[in-house]
Protein backbone atom coordinates (compact mmCIF):
# COMPACT_ATOMS: atom_id res chain seq x y z
CA MET A 1 122.18 -60.32 -143.38
CA THR A 2 125.07 -58.02 -142.98
CA SER A 3 124.18 -54.21 -142.33
CA THR A 4 125.97 -51.61 -144.03
CA ALA A 5 125.97 -47.81 -143.77
CA MET A 6 127.93 -44.96 -145.41
CA LEU A 7 129.60 -42.27 -143.63
CA ILE A 8 129.67 -39.13 -146.17
CA VAL A 9 132.21 -36.52 -144.35
CA ASN A 10 132.98 -33.10 -145.43
CA PRO A 11 136.51 -32.88 -143.81
CA SER A 12 136.82 -29.34 -144.25
CA SER A 13 133.51 -28.37 -142.52
CA GLY A 14 133.44 -26.59 -139.00
CA LYS A 15 137.17 -25.68 -139.34
CA GLU A 16 137.81 -29.36 -140.10
CA LYS A 17 136.03 -31.07 -137.28
CA GLY A 18 135.32 -33.37 -140.04
CA LYS A 19 138.60 -34.89 -139.71
CA LYS A 20 138.73 -34.80 -136.31
CA TYR A 21 135.49 -36.95 -135.39
CA LEU A 22 135.80 -39.19 -138.40
CA LYS A 23 137.22 -42.18 -136.22
CA LEU A 24 134.57 -41.62 -133.48
CA ALA A 25 131.90 -41.55 -135.86
CA GLU A 26 133.17 -45.00 -137.35
CA ASP A 27 133.64 -46.63 -133.95
CA THR A 28 130.05 -45.39 -133.11
CA LEU A 29 128.42 -46.98 -136.43
CA LEU A 30 130.35 -50.21 -136.04
CA LYS A 31 128.18 -50.68 -132.51
CA ARG A 32 124.89 -50.70 -135.10
CA PHE A 33 126.03 -51.83 -138.45
CA ASP A 34 128.29 -54.93 -139.45
CA ARG A 35 129.90 -52.60 -142.18
CA VAL A 36 130.74 -48.83 -142.44
CA ASP A 37 132.22 -47.21 -145.53
CA ILE A 38 133.83 -43.80 -145.59
CA ARG A 39 133.52 -41.28 -148.19
CA LEU A 40 134.82 -37.79 -148.01
CA THR A 41 133.62 -35.02 -150.13
CA GLU A 42 136.70 -32.78 -152.20
CA LYS A 43 134.19 -30.73 -154.18
CA ALA A 44 130.56 -29.39 -154.69
CA GLY A 45 128.32 -32.26 -155.61
CA ASP A 46 130.40 -35.20 -154.20
CA ALA A 47 127.92 -35.77 -151.11
CA THR A 48 125.13 -36.03 -153.94
CA THR A 49 127.13 -38.58 -155.97
CA PHE A 50 128.19 -40.54 -152.69
CA ALA A 51 124.65 -40.50 -151.30
CA LYS A 52 123.49 -42.04 -154.67
CA GLU A 53 126.11 -44.68 -154.72
CA SER A 54 124.45 -45.83 -150.97
CA ALA A 55 121.20 -46.06 -152.49
CA MET A 56 121.71 -47.86 -155.52
CA LYS A 57 124.09 -50.18 -153.45
CA GLY A 58 121.28 -51.03 -151.03
CA TYR A 59 123.30 -49.61 -147.80
CA ASP A 60 120.82 -49.61 -144.92
CA ALA A 61 122.05 -46.08 -143.60
CA CYS A 62 123.60 -42.85 -145.26
CA ILE A 63 125.10 -40.76 -142.62
CA ALA A 64 126.42 -37.16 -143.57
CA MET A 65 128.92 -35.36 -141.44
CA GLY A 66 129.13 -31.46 -142.06
CA GLY A 67 127.24 -27.99 -142.91
CA ASP A 68 123.88 -27.41 -144.01
CA GLY A 69 125.37 -27.49 -147.55
CA THR A 70 126.70 -31.26 -147.50
CA LEU A 71 123.38 -31.93 -145.81
CA ASN A 72 121.30 -30.51 -148.74
CA GLU A 73 123.91 -32.58 -151.29
CA THR A 74 123.00 -35.88 -149.68
CA ILE A 75 119.60 -35.20 -149.67
CA ASN A 76 119.55 -34.68 -153.22
CA GLY A 77 121.30 -37.93 -153.83
CA LEU A 78 118.83 -39.70 -151.96
CA ALA A 79 115.36 -37.80 -152.79
CA GLU A 80 115.02 -39.77 -156.34
CA GLN A 81 116.09 -43.23 -155.58
CA LYS A 82 113.37 -46.21 -155.23
CA HIS A 83 115.68 -47.49 -152.04
CA ARG A 84 116.45 -44.43 -149.83
CA PRO A 85 118.74 -45.67 -146.84
CA THR A 86 117.79 -44.12 -143.51
CA PHE A 87 119.36 -40.56 -143.25
CA GLY A 88 121.81 -39.55 -140.61
CA LEU A 89 123.36 -36.64 -139.49
CA VAL A 90 126.08 -34.85 -137.53
CA PRO A 91 126.02 -31.32 -137.66
CA LEU A 92 129.32 -29.09 -137.97
CA GLY A 93 128.29 -26.34 -139.73
CA THR A 94 127.54 -22.33 -138.99
CA VAL A 95 123.65 -22.61 -138.60
CA ASN A 96 122.56 -26.06 -138.79
CA ASP A 97 118.63 -25.91 -138.80
CA LEU A 98 117.51 -29.14 -139.59
CA ALA A 99 119.69 -30.58 -136.63
CA ARG A 100 117.58 -28.10 -134.32
CA ALA A 101 114.19 -28.92 -135.73
CA LEU A 102 115.16 -32.65 -135.30
CA LYS A 103 116.60 -32.07 -131.46
CA ILE A 104 120.07 -33.24 -132.44
CA SER A 105 122.71 -32.03 -130.55
CA LYS A 106 124.75 -29.07 -132.31
CA LYS A 107 128.03 -30.69 -130.43
CA PRO A 108 129.65 -33.30 -132.85
CA LYS A 109 130.51 -35.54 -130.40
CA GLN A 110 126.92 -36.05 -128.83
CA ALA A 111 125.47 -35.82 -132.12
CA ILE A 112 127.59 -39.03 -133.14
CA LYS A 113 127.30 -40.98 -129.91
CA MET A 114 123.30 -40.23 -130.68
CA LEU A 115 123.68 -42.80 -133.51
CA ALA A 116 124.22 -45.89 -131.58
CA THR A 117 120.86 -45.83 -130.02
CA ALA A 118 118.64 -43.48 -132.41
CA LYS A 119 115.35 -44.36 -133.48
CA GLU A 120 114.08 -43.46 -137.17
CA THR A 121 111.86 -40.58 -137.76
CA PRO A 122 109.94 -39.97 -140.89
CA LEU A 123 110.94 -36.36 -142.53
CA ASP A 124 109.40 -34.36 -145.03
CA ILE A 125 111.40 -32.92 -147.92
CA GLY A 126 110.74 -30.16 -150.49
CA ARG A 127 110.88 -30.42 -154.13
CA ILE A 128 111.99 -26.69 -155.46
CA ASN A 129 111.96 -27.11 -159.50
CA SER A 130 113.96 -29.93 -160.26
CA HIS A 131 115.72 -30.47 -157.09
CA TYR A 132 115.32 -31.26 -153.12
CA PHE A 133 115.93 -29.30 -150.11
CA MET A 134 115.51 -29.90 -146.39
CA ASN A 135 114.67 -26.90 -144.52
CA VAL A 136 114.03 -23.33 -146.16
CA VAL A 137 113.87 -21.44 -149.26
CA ALA A 138 113.81 -17.38 -148.50
CA ILE A 139 113.43 -15.03 -151.70
CA GLY A 140 114.07 -11.27 -151.53
CA SER A 141 116.49 -8.37 -150.92
CA ILE A 142 117.10 -9.73 -147.29
CA PRO A 143 117.97 -13.21 -148.27
CA GLU A 144 120.20 -11.43 -151.27
CA ALA A 145 122.05 -9.72 -148.50
CA VAL A 146 122.45 -12.95 -146.42
CA ASP A 147 124.03 -14.49 -149.64
CA ARG A 148 126.97 -12.17 -149.56
CA VAL A 149 128.37 -12.96 -145.91
CA SER A 150 131.61 -13.54 -146.30
CA VAL A 151 133.62 -16.83 -144.78
CA LYS A 152 135.77 -14.46 -142.38
CA GLN A 153 132.37 -13.03 -141.13
CA LYS A 154 130.72 -16.33 -140.60
CA THR A 155 134.00 -17.75 -138.70
CA GLN A 156 134.04 -14.79 -136.20
CA LEU A 157 130.20 -14.25 -135.72
CA GLY A 158 128.67 -17.37 -136.88
CA ALA A 159 124.67 -17.29 -137.13
CA MET A 160 124.63 -13.55 -136.11
CA ALA A 161 126.36 -12.53 -139.36
CA TYR A 162 123.36 -13.80 -141.09
CA PHE A 163 121.18 -11.83 -139.00
CA ILE A 164 123.18 -8.37 -138.98
CA GLU A 165 123.16 -8.70 -142.78
CA GLY A 166 119.59 -9.21 -143.12
CA ALA A 167 119.00 -6.42 -140.59
CA LYS A 168 121.17 -3.91 -142.45
CA ALA A 169 118.76 -5.23 -145.88
CA TYR A 170 115.67 -4.79 -143.70
CA ALA A 171 116.70 -1.16 -142.99
CA ARG A 172 117.17 -0.41 -146.61
CA LYS A 173 113.31 -1.53 -147.00
CA GLU A 174 114.10 -2.74 -150.55
CA ASN A 175 110.72 -4.42 -151.79
CA PHE A 176 109.91 -6.63 -155.23
CA ASN A 177 106.62 -7.47 -156.75
CA PHE A 178 105.55 -10.99 -156.02
CA GLU A 179 102.99 -13.47 -157.10
CA VAL A 180 102.50 -16.08 -154.55
CA LYS A 181 99.91 -19.00 -155.72
CA THR A 182 98.81 -21.98 -153.96
CA THR A 183 96.00 -24.41 -155.23
CA ASP A 184 93.57 -22.19 -153.17
CA GLU A 185 94.81 -18.67 -153.21
CA VAL A 186 96.83 -15.79 -154.86
CA HIS A 187 98.82 -13.23 -153.07
CA ASN A 188 100.08 -10.29 -155.26
CA VAL A 189 102.43 -8.56 -152.93
CA GLU A 190 105.23 -5.79 -152.51
CA SER A 191 107.79 -7.86 -150.28
CA GLU A 192 111.57 -7.77 -149.31
CA LEU A 193 111.33 -11.40 -147.70
CA ILE A 194 109.38 -14.51 -148.14
CA ILE A 195 110.15 -17.30 -146.55
CA VAL A 196 108.73 -20.92 -147.30
CA SER A 197 109.87 -23.33 -144.33
CA LEU A 198 109.83 -27.05 -143.45
CA THR A 199 110.40 -27.05 -140.14
CA ASN A 200 110.40 -24.44 -136.99
CA SER A 201 114.01 -23.34 -137.37
CA VAL A 202 115.37 -20.96 -139.90
CA GLY A 203 118.78 -18.88 -139.63
CA GLY A 204 119.14 -20.72 -136.23
CA PHE A 205 115.90 -19.23 -134.96
CA GLU A 206 113.90 -21.86 -133.18
CA LYS A 207 110.57 -20.25 -133.06
CA LEU A 208 109.53 -19.02 -136.72
CA ALA A 209 106.83 -21.50 -136.93
CA PRO A 210 106.63 -23.01 -133.25
CA GLU A 211 103.54 -25.56 -134.11
CA ALA A 212 105.57 -26.89 -137.44
CA GLU A 213 106.81 -30.31 -137.16
CA VAL A 214 109.44 -32.07 -139.51
CA ASN A 215 106.58 -34.64 -141.12
CA ASP A 216 103.00 -32.63 -141.16
CA GLY A 217 103.13 -32.49 -144.69
CA LEU A 218 103.38 -28.84 -145.12
CA PHE A 219 105.04 -25.61 -145.79
CA HIS A 220 104.97 -22.49 -143.58
CA VAL A 221 104.77 -19.67 -145.92
CA PHE A 222 105.47 -16.14 -144.46
CA ILE A 223 105.47 -12.92 -146.59
CA VAL A 224 106.91 -9.72 -145.18
CA THR A 225 104.40 -6.85 -146.78
CA ASP A 226 104.61 -2.92 -146.82
CA SER A 227 104.25 -1.98 -143.57
CA SER A 228 104.61 1.45 -141.26
CA VAL A 229 107.72 2.60 -139.68
CA ILE A 230 106.54 1.39 -136.02
CA GLU A 231 104.92 -1.93 -137.45
CA ARG A 232 108.48 -2.73 -139.17
CA THR A 233 110.63 -2.01 -136.16
CA LYS A 234 108.31 -4.60 -134.31
CA LEU A 235 107.85 -7.38 -137.01
CA LEU A 236 111.05 -9.37 -137.35
CA PRO A 237 112.25 -9.56 -133.81
CA GLN A 238 108.41 -10.83 -133.28
CA LEU A 239 108.48 -13.23 -136.58
CA PHE A 240 111.54 -14.31 -135.59
CA SER A 241 110.44 -15.40 -131.96
CA GLY A 242 107.38 -16.81 -133.27
CA GLN A 243 104.99 -13.95 -131.18
CA VAL A 244 103.73 -12.24 -134.53
CA SER A 245 100.16 -12.49 -135.51
CA GLN A 246 98.98 -12.27 -138.85
CA ASN A 247 98.77 -8.35 -139.50
CA GLY A 248 100.66 -5.51 -139.73
CA GLY A 249 102.99 -6.26 -142.61
CA LEU A 250 102.70 -10.04 -142.53
CA ILE A 251 100.52 -12.71 -144.58
CA ALA A 252 101.40 -16.24 -143.04
CA PHE A 253 99.83 -19.70 -144.14
CA LYS A 254 100.47 -23.08 -144.77
CA SER A 255 100.03 -25.31 -147.95
CA ASN A 256 101.89 -28.52 -149.84
CA LYS A 257 102.58 -26.67 -152.81
CA VAL A 258 103.77 -22.92 -153.42
CA PHE A 259 104.38 -21.36 -156.98
CA ILE A 260 106.70 -17.82 -156.56
CA SER A 261 107.18 -15.44 -159.56
CA SER A 262 108.13 -12.10 -160.08
CA LYS A 263 107.86 -10.13 -163.64
CA GLU A 264 110.08 -6.90 -162.44
CA SER A 265 113.33 -8.40 -161.92
CA ILE A 266 115.95 -11.33 -161.99
CA LEU A 267 115.90 -12.72 -158.31
CA LYS A 268 117.71 -15.59 -157.16
CA SER A 269 116.49 -17.99 -154.40
CA ASN A 270 118.26 -19.17 -150.99
CA VAL A 271 118.06 -22.63 -150.64
CA ASP A 272 119.18 -24.05 -147.17
CA GLY A 273 121.37 -20.97 -146.86
CA ASP A 274 123.21 -21.26 -150.12
CA PRO A 275 122.00 -19.55 -153.46
CA ASP A 276 119.90 -21.44 -155.73
CA ASP A 277 117.90 -21.04 -158.59
CA TYR A 278 116.30 -17.95 -160.08
CA LEU A 279 112.37 -17.15 -159.88
CA PRO A 280 110.22 -18.75 -160.86
CA LEU A 281 109.99 -21.28 -158.32
CA GLU A 282 107.58 -24.39 -158.14
CA LEU A 283 107.86 -25.76 -154.85
CA GLU A 284 106.07 -28.98 -153.10
CA VAL A 285 106.38 -30.93 -149.98
CA LEU A 286 107.47 -34.67 -150.25
CA PRO A 287 105.80 -35.94 -147.17
CA SER A 288 107.74 -38.54 -144.98
CA HIS A 289 109.98 -39.01 -148.02
CA LEU A 290 112.85 -40.07 -146.17
CA ASN A 291 113.46 -41.44 -142.64
CA VAL A 292 115.97 -40.10 -140.38
CA PHE A 293 118.03 -40.87 -136.95
CA THR A 294 117.01 -38.57 -134.09
CA PRO A 295 117.48 -39.17 -130.47
CA VAL A 296 115.24 -41.64 -128.64
CA ASP A 297 114.30 -38.90 -126.25
CA ALA A 298 113.20 -36.29 -128.68
């Protein structure tokens, strides 16, 4: 039988690196598949449409080349299909959290070459209300500040732009009242940051949850609570270096389902780096829902 792959490319990602590496990606995939069909995105939602097409037409693989937004759209196109082609990614974005978690090179040329010999690895994805995500959901004043990072800031500072704006918001200490529920427990807390992660990499920091695996079937949840000035000074650096213990301003736990609500204000979530649904949020892990191409030595 003829093996087929669809290559979805965001030509504007990474300072138009999508165009630069298109031919290399096609030639590399032709070493593994008999036919490679290329789809170029032009607007939001295109990658989801193309990914659905790859599933419905029975492609063996669907590879996305672009930033985290393009990858998120591709996963949303695959998630609900009966036949789900093996997912592949070539990271061209600012942060590239999923690539970091999967130990895929952030250098596009190396990530492309890896596809010729890559192995298939089971990958958890998350459902948030009626759609899907690949890496992280964040809620609170810090994610809202991160949402305001401009294209110019991202171009000049890369992932550091997110950290700078987040740190500014953290210094302002703007808390919201949340109810965070799992099947086993309920937390009523004041917080400026809630993180629900599927992997160990959030915002380019790869040690948030050092023990997290891409297919462990669990969310890794972190709730930053009200704390003293001294504790606050230490908490964020410790949190993102994976060295923080569960005390002094942090609640941490694991669960396969999480429900988050807030009565006092309208709050929007940040999902895989982009603004998303308003609260309340119902989150569920879909364990090993996709297979993804990863390096053979990872």
